[in-house]
Amino acid sequence: MYSHISDEFMIIDDRIVKFRQAEEYDLPIIRNILGYYILNTTATWRYVVPDENIMKQWFEQHNKPSRPIIVAVVEDVVVGYASLSDFRNGEGYWPCAENSVYLSQEYCGYGIGYKMMEILLRIAEQTELEYIIAGIDADNKSSIGFHRKLGFIESGTINNIGNKFGRDLDLLFMIKKLNK
């Protein structure tokens, strides 16, 4: 579906990082990467790592052009993934998608996440989507700066809407209007 992604690459520390559409066989490593963030951070407010069946359902929900999942690969090992997912249920939300970007810890800070988001945004520009929405823990300054650099603007905060690790959390929404 996104064959042109395979032309994308970057080099970090003499290693080639390639990008491609995710395949079902990538799900175990995607699950492991996500699991780190679930168990150790407030980047996601989930408490439990999804099982294999839930991951497969998630993967199947992305079988349309406006809901891609891409992976970053170093030496045939997936080191990160990024996706566009439904923002909300309901037909009226059709012009919106929510983004997610997660990397193995040893690959953070090299620009891989930024490159994956650039690819996702280019894909989104080719679809009916009009907006990409990021829901971010308001204390996650790194994610806020990352999204600002990509042209997202703050759209509002819901205070004390979440709780993880015994702390109340504020949800910041950032939005990017696609250039159509």
Protein backbone atom coordinates (compact mmCIF):
# COMPACT_ATOMS: atom_id res chain seq x y z
CA MET A 1 0.00 0.00 0.00
CA TYR A 2 2.85 2.40 0.82
CA SER A 3 5.63 0.99 -1.36
CA HIS A 4 7.34 4.39 -1.70
CA ILE A 5 8.21 4.26 2.01
CA SER A 6 10.86 1.62 1.28
CA ASP A 7 12.88 4.33 -0.49
CA GLU A 8 13.18 6.24 2.81
CA PHE A 9 16.27 5.79 4.95
CA MET A 10 18.68 7.62 7.23
CA ILE A 11 22.09 6.84 8.70
CA ILE A 12 22.91 6.97 12.42
CA ASP A 13 26.23 5.87 13.88
CA ASP A 14 27.19 4.11 10.62
CA ARG A 15 23.94 2.09 10.69
CA ILE A 16 21.26 2.39 8.05
CA VAL A 17 17.72 2.95 9.32
CA LYS A 18 15.12 1.87 6.77
CA PHE A 19 11.42 2.58 6.86
CA ARG A 20 8.61 0.39 5.59
CA GLN A 21 4.97 -0.46 6.07
CA ALA A 22 4.43 -2.64 9.15
CA GLU A 23 3.60 -6.28 8.58
CA GLU A 24 1.71 -8.61 10.90
CA TYR A 25 4.94 -10.42 11.76
CA ASP A 26 6.21 -7.14 13.31
CA LEU A 27 3.54 -7.20 16.01
CA PRO A 28 5.59 -8.96 18.73
CA ILE A 29 8.34 -6.32 18.60
CA ILE A 30 5.82 -3.48 18.28
CA ARG A 31 4.12 -4.90 21.37
CA ASN A 32 7.46 -5.01 23.23
CA ILE A 33 8.27 -1.41 22.32
CA LEU A 34 4.81 -0.23 23.38
CA GLY A 35 5.04 -2.36 26.53
CA TYR A 36 8.04 -0.42 27.77
CA TYR A 37 6.09 2.85 27.57
CA ILE A 38 3.00 1.34 29.19
CA LEU A 39 4.92 -0.07 32.15
CA ASN A 40 7.40 2.78 32.69
CA THR A 41 6.04 6.11 31.43
CA THR A 42 3.00 8.34 31.10
CA ALA A 43 3.52 8.62 27.32
CA THR A 44 0.51 6.30 27.18
CA TRP A 45 -2.03 6.06 29.98
CA ARG A 46 -2.63 2.36 29.51
CA TYR A 47 -1.77 0.17 32.50
CA VAL A 48 -1.64 -3.26 30.82
CA VAL A 49 0.35 -4.35 27.77
CA PRO A 50 -2.15 -5.58 25.16
CA ASP A 51 -2.10 -9.29 24.41
CA GLU A 52 -1.41 -10.73 20.97
CA ASN A 53 -5.11 -10.82 20.01
CA ILE A 54 -5.62 -7.15 20.82
CA MET A 55 -2.49 -6.25 18.88
CA LYS A 56 -3.78 -8.20 15.89
CA GLN A 57 -7.14 -6.35 16.07
CA TRP A 58 -5.27 -3.04 16.28
CA PHE A 59 -3.24 -4.01 13.21
CA GLU A 60 -6.35 -4.99 11.24
CA GLN A 61 -8.01 -1.62 12.02
CA HIS A 62 -5.18 0.03 10.10
CA ASN A 63 -5.91 -1.69 6.81
CA LYS A 64 -6.83 1.50 4.95
CA PRO A 65 -4.76 4.23 3.31
CA SER A 66 -5.48 6.90 5.94
CA ARG A 67 -4.48 4.67 8.90
CA PRO A 68 -0.90 3.57 8.20
CA ILE A 69 1.53 1.86 10.52
CA ILE A 70 5.17 2.23 9.56
CA VAL A 71 8.25 0.80 11.19
CA ALA A 72 11.89 1.84 11.44
CA VAL A 73 14.29 -1.05 10.89
CA VAL A 74 18.00 -1.34 11.71
CA GLU A 75 19.80 -4.48 10.54
CA ASP A 76 16.46 -6.28 10.03
CA VAL A 77 15.26 -5.43 13.56
CA VAL A 78 12.28 -3.14 14.14
CA VAL A 79 13.42 -0.31 16.43
CA GLY A 80 10.30 1.86 16.33
CA TYR A 81 6.88 2.35 14.89
CA ALA A 82 4.47 5.15 14.12
CA SER A 83 0.80 5.05 13.26
CA LEU A 84 -2.28 7.06 12.48
CA SER A 85 -5.40 5.75 14.22
CA ASP A 86 -9.03 6.77 14.49
CA PHE A 87 -9.31 9.80 16.76
CA ARG A 88 -12.78 8.84 17.96
CA ASN A 89 -15.55 6.45 17.00
CA GLY A 90 -18.32 7.98 14.96
CA GLU A 91 -18.60 8.99 11.35
CA GLY A 92 -18.33 12.70 12.05
CA TYR A 93 -14.65 12.38 12.98
CA TRP A 94 -13.65 11.19 9.48
CA PRO A 95 -11.29 14.10 8.76
CA CYS A 96 -9.16 13.40 11.87
CA ALA A 97 -6.57 10.83 12.89
CA GLU A 98 -4.47 10.54 16.03
CA ASN A 99 -0.76 9.87 15.77
CA SER A 100 1.46 7.58 17.85
CA VAL A 101 5.25 7.29 17.73
CA TYR A 102 7.28 4.89 19.87
CA LEU A 103 10.96 3.90 19.70
CA SER A 104 13.17 1.38 21.42
CA GLN A 105 14.98 3.32 24.13
CA GLU A 106 18.43 2.96 22.59
CA TYR A 107 17.20 4.67 19.42
CA CYS A 108 15.62 7.75 20.99
CA GLY A 109 17.19 11.10 20.17
CA TYR A 110 18.49 10.30 16.69
CA GLY A 111 15.61 11.81 14.71
CA ILE A 112 14.03 8.46 13.79
CA GLY A 113 10.68 9.42 15.34
CA TYR A 114 10.74 12.73 13.49
CA LYS A 115 11.44 10.96 10.19
CA MET A 116 8.59 8.50 10.79
CA MET A 117 6.23 11.41 11.47
CA GLU A 118 7.34 13.18 8.30
CA ILE A 119 6.51 10.01 6.37
CA LEU A 120 3.12 9.67 8.11
CA LEU A 121 2.27 13.29 7.35
CA ARG A 122 3.16 12.83 3.68
CA ILE A 123 0.93 9.76 3.54
CA ALA A 124 -1.88 11.64 5.29
CA GLU A 125 -1.62 14.44 2.72
CA GLN A 126 -2.57 11.88 0.04
CA THR A 127 -5.81 10.90 1.82
CA GLU A 128 -9.08 12.51 2.85
CA LEU A 129 -7.63 13.44 6.25
CA GLU A 130 -7.59 17.10 7.19
CA TYR A 131 -6.19 17.04 10.74
CA ILE A 132 -3.75 15.01 12.79
CA ILE A 133 -4.30 15.16 16.54
CA ALA A 134 -1.83 14.36 19.31
CA GLY A 135 -3.06 13.65 22.83
CA ILE A 136 -0.06 14.23 25.13
CA ASP A 137 0.56 14.10 28.87
CA ALA A 138 0.87 17.84 29.56
CA ASP A 139 4.07 17.21 31.55
CA ASN A 140 5.76 15.48 28.60
CA LYS A 141 7.84 18.45 27.42
CA SER A 142 9.82 16.31 25.01
CA SER A 143 6.70 15.14 23.14
CA ILE A 144 5.28 18.67 23.13
CA GLY A 145 8.51 20.03 21.61
CA PHE A 146 8.62 17.16 19.11
CA HIS A 147 5.10 17.94 17.89
CA ARG A 148 5.75 21.71 17.77
CA LYS A 149 8.76 21.07 15.54
CA LEU A 150 6.42 19.21 13.18
CA GLY A 151 4.00 22.15 13.04
CA PHE A 152 1.42 21.01 15.59
CA ILE A 153 -0.18 23.74 17.69
CA GLU A 154 -1.70 23.49 21.14
CA SER A 155 -5.45 23.18 21.02
CA GLY A 156 -6.49 22.76 24.65
CA THR A 157 -5.90 20.93 27.90
CA ILE A 158 -8.21 18.84 30.02
CA ASN A 159 -6.95 19.00 33.59
CA ASN A 160 -6.83 15.96 35.89
CA ILE A 161 -8.51 13.72 33.29
CA GLY A 162 -6.14 10.78 33.75
CA ASN A 163 -4.31 8.93 36.46
CA LYS A 164 -1.24 6.74 36.31
CA PHE A 165 1.35 5.78 38.89
CA GLY A 166 -0.84 7.40 41.55
CA ARG A 167 -0.73 10.84 39.90
CA ASP A 168 -3.47 12.89 38.31
CA LEU A 169 -2.57 13.77 34.73
CA ASP A 170 -3.53 16.60 32.39
CA LEU A 171 -4.19 15.84 28.71
CA LEU A 172 -2.88 18.35 26.19
CA PHE A 173 -4.25 18.22 22.66
CA MET A 174 -2.10 19.40 19.79
CA ILE A 175 -3.37 19.56 16.23
CA LYS A 176 -1.87 19.87 12.77
CA LYS A 177 -3.92 20.98 9.79
CA LEU A 178 -2.73 19.18 6.71
CA ASN A 179 -1.69 21.24 3.70
CA LYS A 180 -4.37 20.47 1.16
